[in-house]
Amino acid sequence: MNSQEIKALTGQYILNTYGRFPVALDHGQGATLYDPEGKAYIDFASGIGVASLGYGDGDWVKAITDQAGKLGHSSNLFYTEPPAKLAQLLCQRTGMAGVFFANGGGEANEGMIKLARKYSFDKYGTGRATIITLNNSFHGRTITTLTATGQEVFHNYFFPFTEGFRYADANDMASLEAAAGDDVCAVMVELVQGEGGVLPLDRDYVQALSKLCAERDWLLLVDEVQTGVGRTGRLFAFQHYGILPDVVSFAKGIAGGLPMSGIMANAKCREVLGPGMHATTFGGNPICAAAGLVVQEKLSDAFLAQVEQKGAYLRQKIEELDLPCFGATRGLGLMIGIAVQDGWTNKDIAGKLIENGLLVLTAGPGMRLLPPLMISQAEMDQGLAVMKQVLG
């Protein structure tokens, strides 16, 4: 099918829940994608941070096809090797104690919320189930994770929303204390607020928050759906901050393009969810887990150091372009935010760049770049050249 035929068929049969850019994608190699007519697009988006190894990685493709030929699905009523090995690697590399595998970021965060409330119920009984989240956060599209999201724009249409959430300002311990109370069981944060604009939390604030949670026996829940699996230059963003959370969610890049997510619990929370307490039919799928093992193999310490270097390079070069529409950059590793100057809109900028062969994302009022972690120097420079040509 050509691009127009794909767009027409999509419009006829798929619910119109996305404001899609007018591009149909057919195949890719490295960090470059192509439409059915062969037009190339440098990818600074990686499917919203999912295609961590880019496109066409031979080891990833082989692991998927080999596992598909052996066993595609069994459910969690039986044991399979790939998820067990992947859980082992995640725990060994993070200091966490156990893993639950799911399918998407919202589902992972639901599991994290359930674990926190079960922990508190087991220890304190009813009446201690409120979770504090941060203003400007984003935690998912289910009813409960929409409520957890600290942006009023999401709190509409789908009434009634789940009870048990309060909000505090990021990097403000006084605001957090004002939201506290005897009914609190946990605090849930993104260490870099992604959808809110790529806004990293301050290190001192995060360490103070971790200490406060330990003192009050609140669980510290870290949403790493977007920041995890190498995106920030560490395997998980919490490793930048010198803390060990109680529970961490992950998704997006974990299987390099296949649908997979999960939560990791520390030793204190390892046994909170027992048989029958939480489940998912597709979680821990052996094909997705086989892909995840390849991702972990590729994300060596040396590779992660390169992610930090690539992120620093892109930020420096973007600022050196001194484009009239862009302000300062921010972020960690290859999770980059760019401020948009007055008189410009991020949607218009994104549209111009995409039309000219550079795939980008928006976040809050600014721009968001999430290139594949293996993006080459040449591909980064090609993307920067498009920025200069189109926006200069």
Protein backbone atom coordinates (compact mmCIF):
# COMPACT_ATOMS: atom_id res chain seq x y z
CA MET A 1 0.00 0.00 0.00
CA ASN A 2 1.13 3.57 -0.59
CA SER A 3 0.98 6.32 2.02
CA GLN A 4 -2.39 7.68 0.94
CA GLU A 5 -3.98 4.23 0.95
CA ILE A 6 -2.67 3.54 4.47
CA LYS A 7 -4.00 6.87 5.75
CA ALA A 8 -7.40 6.31 4.14
CA LEU A 9 -7.74 2.79 5.55
CA THR A 10 -6.70 4.02 9.00
CA GLY A 11 -9.28 6.80 8.91
CA GLN A 12 -12.01 4.38 7.87
CA TYR A 13 -11.45 1.67 10.48
CA ILE A 14 -9.35 2.91 13.42
CA LEU A 15 -10.92 5.08 16.12
CA ASN A 16 -9.80 8.69 15.79
CA THR A 17 -8.13 9.02 19.21
CA TYR A 18 -4.78 10.35 17.95
CA GLY A 19 -3.85 13.61 16.27
CA ARG A 20 -1.53 11.92 13.79
CA PHE A 21 1.09 13.70 11.72
CA PRO A 22 0.53 13.08 7.97
CA VAL A 23 3.27 10.48 7.59
CA ALA A 24 2.96 6.75 7.00
CA LEU A 25 5.99 4.67 8.01
CA ASP A 26 6.97 1.41 6.35
CA HIS A 27 10.44 0.29 7.45
CA GLY A 28 13.61 1.46 9.12
CA GLN A 29 17.29 0.88 9.68
CA GLY A 30 19.36 2.27 12.53
CA ALA A 31 17.72 5.55 13.54
CA THR A 32 16.30 6.27 10.10
CA LEU A 33 12.74 5.46 9.02
CA TYR A 34 11.20 5.36 5.54
CA ASP A 35 7.71 5.84 4.19
CA PRO A 36 6.28 3.47 1.53
CA GLU A 37 7.56 5.79 -1.22
CA GLY A 38 11.10 5.67 0.16
CA LYS A 39 11.33 9.13 1.76
CA ALA A 40 13.75 9.03 4.71
CA TYR A 41 13.08 10.45 8.17
CA ILE A 42 15.75 10.86 10.85
CA ASP A 43 14.14 9.59 14.04
CA PHE A 44 14.43 11.81 17.11
CA ALA A 45 11.30 10.19 18.61
CA SER A 46 11.81 6.38 18.65
CA GLY A 47 8.07 5.71 18.84
CA ILE A 48 7.83 7.86 22.01
CA GLY A 49 10.95 6.39 23.56
CA VAL A 50 10.24 2.75 22.69
CA ALA A 51 12.65 1.77 19.90
CA SER A 52 15.69 1.83 22.17
CA LEU A 53 17.83 -0.18 19.72
CA GLY A 54 16.49 1.61 16.66
CA TYR A 55 15.34 -0.46 13.70
CA GLY A 56 16.60 -3.65 12.12
CA ASP A 57 19.01 -4.72 14.88
CA GLY A 58 20.02 -8.23 13.84
CA ASP A 59 20.38 -9.69 17.33
CA TRP A 60 16.96 -8.34 18.36
CA VAL A 61 15.27 -9.72 15.25
CA LYS A 62 16.92 -13.13 15.70
CA ALA A 63 15.93 -13.39 19.37
CA ILE A 64 12.30 -12.62 18.51
CA THR A 65 12.09 -15.04 15.59
CA ASP A 66 13.89 -17.83 17.45
CA GLN A 67 11.59 -17.52 20.45
CA ALA A 68 8.49 -17.28 18.23
CA GLY A 69 9.50 -20.58 16.70
CA LYS A 70 9.80 -22.19 20.14
CA LEU A 71 6.95 -20.74 22.23
CA GLY A 72 4.93 -17.59 21.68
CA HIS A 73 2.79 -17.61 24.82
CA SER A 74 2.09 -19.78 27.84
CA SER A 75 0.50 -17.45 30.49
CA ASN A 76 1.92 -17.04 33.97
CA LEU A 77 0.36 -20.29 35.15
CA PHE A 78 3.55 -21.96 33.92
CA TYR A 79 7.28 -21.21 34.00
CA THR A 80 9.28 -19.96 30.99
CA GLU A 81 12.95 -19.06 30.74
CA PRO A 82 13.10 -15.60 29.09
CA PRO A 83 11.16 -13.59 31.71
CA ALA A 84 13.02 -15.30 34.55
CA LYS A 85 16.36 -14.34 33.03
CA LEU A 86 15.21 -10.79 32.30
CA ALA A 87 13.96 -10.32 35.87
CA GLN A 88 17.29 -11.60 37.18
CA LEU A 89 19.23 -9.06 35.10
CA LEU A 90 16.99 -6.17 36.13
CA CYS A 91 17.35 -6.99 39.83
CA GLN A 92 21.09 -7.55 39.63
CA ARG A 93 21.63 -4.26 37.80
CA THR A 94 19.43 -2.12 40.06
CA GLY A 95 19.51 -3.56 43.57
CA MET A 96 15.78 -4.26 43.49
CA ALA A 97 14.45 -7.60 44.74
CA GLY A 98 11.62 -8.74 42.45
CA VAL A 99 9.82 -8.00 39.18
CA PHE A 100 6.24 -8.20 37.92
CA PHE A 101 5.87 -8.03 34.13
CA ALA A 102 2.94 -6.33 32.41
CA ASN A 103 2.23 -4.80 29.00
CA GLY A 104 2.05 -0.98 29.03
CA GLY A 105 3.02 1.98 31.17
CA GLY A 106 -0.44 2.72 32.56
CA GLU A 107 -0.85 -0.90 33.59
CA ALA A 108 2.55 -0.88 35.29
CA ASN A 109 1.64 2.24 37.27
CA GLU A 110 -1.70 0.68 38.26
CA GLY A 111 0.26 -2.26 39.66
CA MET A 112 2.54 0.08 41.58
CA ILE A 113 -0.46 1.89 43.08
CA LYS A 114 -2.08 -1.40 44.07
CA LEU A 115 1.14 -2.60 45.73
CA ALA A 116 1.43 0.62 47.76
CA ARG A 117 -2.14 0.42 49.03
CA LYS A 118 -1.83 -3.30 49.82
CA TYR A 119 1.41 -2.66 51.75
CA SER A 120 -0.32 -0.03 53.86
CA PHE A 121 -3.47 -2.10 54.37
CA ASP A 122 -1.46 -5.12 55.54
CA LYS A 123 0.46 -3.01 58.05
CA TYR A 124 -2.00 -0.31 59.15
CA GLY A 125 -5.48 -1.41 58.05
CA THR A 126 -7.95 0.88 56.30
CA GLY A 127 -7.79 4.67 56.14
CA ARG A 128 -4.19 5.03 54.91
CA ALA A 129 -4.45 4.82 51.12
CA THR A 130 -3.79 8.32 49.76
CA ILE A 131 -0.94 8.74 47.30
CA ILE A 132 0.73 12.13 46.76
CA THR A 133 1.80 12.88 43.18
CA LEU A 134 3.35 15.99 41.69
CA ASN A 135 1.74 18.78 39.76
CA ASN A 136 2.66 18.62 36.07
CA SER A 137 3.12 14.84 36.24
CA PHE A 138 1.76 12.23 33.86
CA HIS A 139 1.17 8.62 34.90
CA GLY A 140 -1.11 7.03 32.31
CA ARG A 141 -4.48 6.84 30.59
CA THR A 142 -6.48 4.49 32.80
CA ILE A 143 -9.04 6.10 35.11
CA THR A 144 -6.79 5.67 38.14
CA THR A 145 -3.55 6.78 36.49
CA LEU A 146 -5.34 9.76 34.95
CA THR A 147 -6.33 10.74 38.49
CA ALA A 148 -2.73 10.27 39.63
CA THR A 149 -1.64 12.61 36.82
CA GLY A 150 -1.11 16.09 38.27
CA GLN A 151 -2.57 18.03 35.34
CA GLU A 152 -6.16 19.28 35.51
CA VAL A 153 -6.55 19.09 31.73
CA PHE A 154 -6.73 15.30 32.06
CA HIS A 155 -9.38 15.36 34.80
CA ASN A 156 -12.45 15.62 32.60
CA TYR A 157 -15.05 13.53 30.76
CA PHE A 158 -14.48 10.20 32.50
CA PHE A 159 -16.19 10.84 35.83
CA PRO A 160 -16.16 9.60 38.51
CA PHE A 161 -12.40 9.52 38.93
CA THR A 162 -10.66 7.26 41.42
CA GLU A 163 -10.32 8.69 44.92
CA GLY A 164 -7.16 8.80 46.99
CA PHE A 165 -4.75 11.22 45.32
CA ARG A 166 -3.40 14.64 46.33
CA TYR A 167 -0.91 16.83 44.53
CA ALA A 168 2.19 18.81 45.50
CA ASP A 169 4.56 21.06 43.60
CA ALA A 170 7.78 19.54 42.30
CA ASN A 171 11.02 20.45 44.12
CA ASP A 172 9.06 21.97 47.01
CA MET A 173 9.17 20.08 50.32
CA ALA A 174 6.85 22.63 51.95
CA SER A 175 4.21 21.90 49.32
CA LEU A 176 4.66 18.18 49.94
CA GLU A 177 4.22 18.65 53.68
CA ALA A 178 1.05 20.63 53.02
CA ALA A 179 -0.34 17.66 51.09
CA ALA A 180 0.68 15.15 53.76
CA GLY A 181 -1.56 13.58 56.36
CA ASP A 182 -2.26 10.46 58.38
CA ASP A 183 -4.04 8.96 55.37
CA VAL A 184 -0.93 8.94 53.12
CA CYS A 185 0.65 5.64 52.10
CA ALA A 186 3.00 6.67 49.28
CA VAL A 187 4.50 9.39 47.10
CA MET A 188 4.69 8.78 43.36
CA VAL A 189 7.05 10.77 41.13
CA GLU A 190 8.66 10.92 37.70
CA LEU A 191 12.30 11.87 38.19
CA VAL A 192 12.09 13.65 34.85
CA GLN A 193 8.56 14.84 34.13
CA GLY A 194 8.19 13.73 30.53
CA GLU A 195 4.79 14.71 29.14
CA GLY A 196 4.92 17.77 31.39
CA GLY A 197 7.88 19.19 29.48
CA VAL A 198 11.02 17.11 30.20
CA LEU A 199 11.65 18.63 33.63
CA PRO A 200 14.22 16.85 35.85
CA LEU A 201 13.66 16.92 39.60
CA ASP A 202 16.39 18.44 41.77
CA ARG A 203 18.76 15.92 43.34
CA ASP A 204 18.50 17.47 46.83
CA TYR A 205 14.70 17.36 46.66
CA VAL A 206 14.66 13.71 45.63
CA GLN A 207 17.04 12.71 48.40
CA ALA A 208 15.02 14.66 50.98
CA LEU A 209 11.84 13.01 49.68
CA SER A 210 13.40 9.56 49.94
CA LYS A 211 14.42 10.25 53.55
CA LEU A 212 10.96 11.57 54.46
CA CYS A 213 9.25 8.52 52.96
CA ALA A 214 11.49 6.20 54.96
CA GLU A 215 10.80 8.10 58.19
CA ARG A 216 7.02 7.97 57.75
CA ASP A 217 6.85 4.52 56.16
CA TRP A 218 5.39 5.95 52.97
CA LEU A 219 6.42 3.98 49.91
CA LEU A 220 8.49 5.92 47.39
CA LEU A 221 7.09 5.02 43.98
CA VAL A 222 9.16 6.06 40.96
CA ASP A 223 7.48 6.11 37.55
CA GLU A 224 10.24 5.24 35.07
CA VAL A 225 7.94 4.39 32.18
CA GLN A 226 9.74 6.94 30.02
CA THR A 227 13.02 7.50 31.89
CA GLY A 228 13.95 3.84 32.39
CA VAL A 229 15.99 1.35 30.37
CA GLY A 230 18.94 3.56 29.48
CA ARG A 231 17.05 6.65 28.30
CA THR A 232 18.82 9.02 30.72
CA GLY A 233 22.30 7.48 30.46
CA ARG A 234 21.83 5.14 33.41
CA LEU A 235 19.82 1.94 33.30
CA PHE A 236 17.21 3.73 35.45
CA ALA A 237 17.01 7.42 36.27
CA PHE A 238 16.90 6.80 40.03
CA GLN A 239 20.54 5.70 39.75
CA HIS A 240 21.44 9.34 38.97
CA TYR A 241 19.92 10.41 42.29
CA GLY A 242 21.60 8.08 44.78
CA ILE A 243 18.36 6.51 46.05
CA LEU A 244 16.75 3.07 46.08
CA PRO A 245 12.97 3.44 45.62
CA ASP A 246 10.45 1.02 47.12
CA VAL A 247 8.79 0.34 43.77
CA VAL A 248 9.76 1.36 40.22
CA SER A 249 7.62 1.09 37.09
CA PHE A 250 9.10 0.65 33.61
CA ALA A 251 7.83 0.23 30.04
CA LYS A 252 8.61 1.85 26.67
CA GLY A 253 12.18 0.77 25.80
CA ILE A 254 12.31 -2.44 27.86
CA ALA A 255 11.74 -4.77 24.87
CA GLY A 256 13.04 -2.47 22.14
CA GLY A 257 9.72 -2.12 20.32
CA LEU A 258 7.49 -4.94 21.58
CA PRO A 259 4.75 -4.24 24.17
CA MET A 260 6.16 -4.91 27.63
CA SER A 261 6.24 -3.17 31.00
CA GLY A 262 6.45 -3.99 34.67
CA ILE A 263 7.32 -3.00 38.19
CA MET A 264 10.33 -3.74 40.37
CA ALA A 265 9.96 -3.95 44.13
CA ASN A 266 12.70 -3.64 46.75
CA ALA A 267 13.23 -6.18 49.52
CA LYS A 268 10.70 -4.50 51.84
CA CYS A 269 7.96 -4.79 49.22
CA ARG A 270 9.00 -8.08 47.64
CA GLU A 271 6.20 -10.16 49.17
CA VAL A 272 3.33 -7.63 49.27
CA LEU A 273 1.53 -9.00 46.21
CA GLY A 274 0.92 -12.71 46.65
CA PRO A 275 -0.93 -15.24 44.47
CA GLY A 276 -4.28 -13.86 43.34
CA MET A 277 -3.48 -10.27 44.33
CA HIS A 278 -2.43 -9.05 40.87
CA ALA A 279 -2.30 -10.62 37.41
CA THR A 280 -2.19 -10.11 33.65
CA THR A 281 -2.67 -12.63 30.86
CA PHE A 282 0.02 -11.35 28.51
CA GLY A 283 2.61 -10.04 31.00
CA GLY A 284 6.01 -11.69 30.80
CA ASN A 285 5.35 -12.94 27.28
CA PRO A 286 8.41 -15.01 26.29
CA ILE A 287 8.86 -13.29 22.91
CA CYS A 288 8.85 -9.82 24.51
CA ALA A 289 11.17 -11.06 27.25
CA ALA A 290 13.57 -12.53 24.68
CA ALA A 291 13.68 -9.11 23.02
CA GLY A 292 14.23 -7.54 26.44
CA LEU A 293 17.25 -9.77 27.06
CA VAL A 294 18.88 -8.41 23.90
CA VAL A 295 18.20 -4.85 25.05
CA GLN A 296 19.89 -5.57 28.38
CA GLU A 297 22.84 -7.17 26.61
CA LYS A 298 23.33 -4.07 24.45
CA LEU A 299 22.93 -1.59 27.33
CA SER A 300 26.39 -2.12 28.83
CA ASP A 301 27.95 0.51 31.08
CA ALA A 302 30.05 1.70 28.14
CA PHE A 303 26.95 1.99 25.95
CA LEU A 304 25.12 3.97 28.64
CA ALA A 305 28.08 6.34 28.93
CA GLN A 306 27.72 6.96 25.19
CA VAL A 307 24.02 7.77 25.71
CA GLU A 308 25.04 10.54 28.12
CA GLN A 309 27.64 11.82 25.65
CA LYS A 310 25.15 11.80 22.76
CA GLY A 311 22.61 13.71 24.82
CA ALA A 312 25.19 16.32 25.80
CA TYR A 313 26.26 16.65 22.16
CA LEU A 314 22.71 17.18 20.87
CA ARG A 315 21.90 19.74 23.54
CA GLN A 316 25.09 21.68 22.88
CA LYS A 317 24.61 21.68 19.12
CA ILE A 318 20.95 22.68 19.32
CA GLU A 319 21.81 25.64 21.53
CA GLU A 320 24.69 26.58 19.21
CA LEU A 321 22.24 26.75 16.28
CA ASP A 322 20.68 29.72 18.10
CA LEU A 323 17.36 29.20 16.35
CA PRO A 324 14.79 31.98 16.83
CA CYS A 325 12.07 29.55 17.91
CA PHE A 326 14.11 27.68 20.56
CA GLY A 327 15.22 28.60 24.06
CA ALA A 328 17.31 26.58 26.48
CA THR A 329 17.52 22.78 26.49
CA ARG A 330 17.15 20.50 29.50
CA GLY A 331 16.99 16.81 30.35
CA LEU A 332 19.13 13.77 31.09
CA GLY A 333 20.89 11.62 28.51
CA LEU A 334 18.81 11.18 25.36
CA MET A 335 15.68 12.56 27.01
CA ILE A 336 15.87 16.16 25.86
CA GLY A 337 13.44 19.04 26.26
CA ILE A 338 13.66 22.33 24.37
CA ALA A 339 11.88 25.52 25.42
CA VAL A 340 9.81 27.18 22.70
CA GLN A 341 9.99 30.96 22.43
CA ASP A 342 6.99 33.27 22.50
CA GLY A 343 5.33 33.62 19.12
CA TRP A 344 5.92 30.00 18.17
CA THR A 345 3.97 26.82 18.97
CA ASN A 346 5.52 23.40 19.45
CA LYS A 347 2.89 21.77 17.19
CA ASP A 348 3.79 24.08 14.28
CA ILE A 349 7.51 23.49 14.81
CA ALA A 350 7.02 19.73 14.96
CA GLY A 351 4.92 19.81 11.80
CA LYS A 352 7.59 21.70 9.86
CA LEU A 353 10.40 19.39 11.01
CA ILE A 354 8.46 16.21 10.31
CA GLU A 355 7.44 17.44 6.85
CA ASN A 356 11.14 17.95 6.11
CA GLY A 357 12.35 14.58 7.33
CA LEU A 358 12.97 14.86 11.10
CA LEU A 359 10.62 13.07 13.50
CA VAL A 360 10.23 14.92 16.83
CA LEU A 361 7.80 15.08 19.74
CA THR A 362 6.15 17.75 21.84
CA ALA A 363 5.81 17.86 25.63
CA GLY A 364 3.94 20.50 27.58
CA PRO A 365 4.57 23.79 25.76
CA GLY A 366 8.03 22.69 24.54
CA MET A 367 9.72 20.17 22.28
CA ARG A 368 10.81 16.68 23.29
CA LEU A 369 13.53 14.56 21.68
CA LEU A 370 13.82 10.82 22.41
CA PRO A 371 16.13 9.39 19.74
CA PRO A 372 16.95 5.67 19.62
CA LEU A 373 19.78 5.09 22.07
CA MET A 374 22.00 3.70 19.32
CA ILE A 375 21.63 6.73 17.03
CA SER A 376 24.83 7.39 15.09
CA GLN A 377 26.85 10.59 14.89
CA ALA A 378 25.90 10.91 11.22
CA GLU A 379 22.18 10.60 11.99
CA MET A 380 22.38 13.16 14.79
CA ASP A 381 24.15 15.58 12.46
CA GLN A 382 21.56 14.99 9.72
CA GLY A 383 18.78 15.81 12.19
CA LEU A 384 20.56 18.97 13.31
CA ALA A 385 20.98 19.99 9.67
CA VAL A 386 17.21 19.69 9.13
CA MET A 387 16.64 21.91 12.19
CA LYS A 388 19.02 24.54 10.86
CA GLN A 389 17.56 24.47 7.33
CA VAL A 390 13.88 24.53 8.37
CA LEU A 391 13.97 26.74 11.47
CA GLY A 392 17.02 28.94 10.97
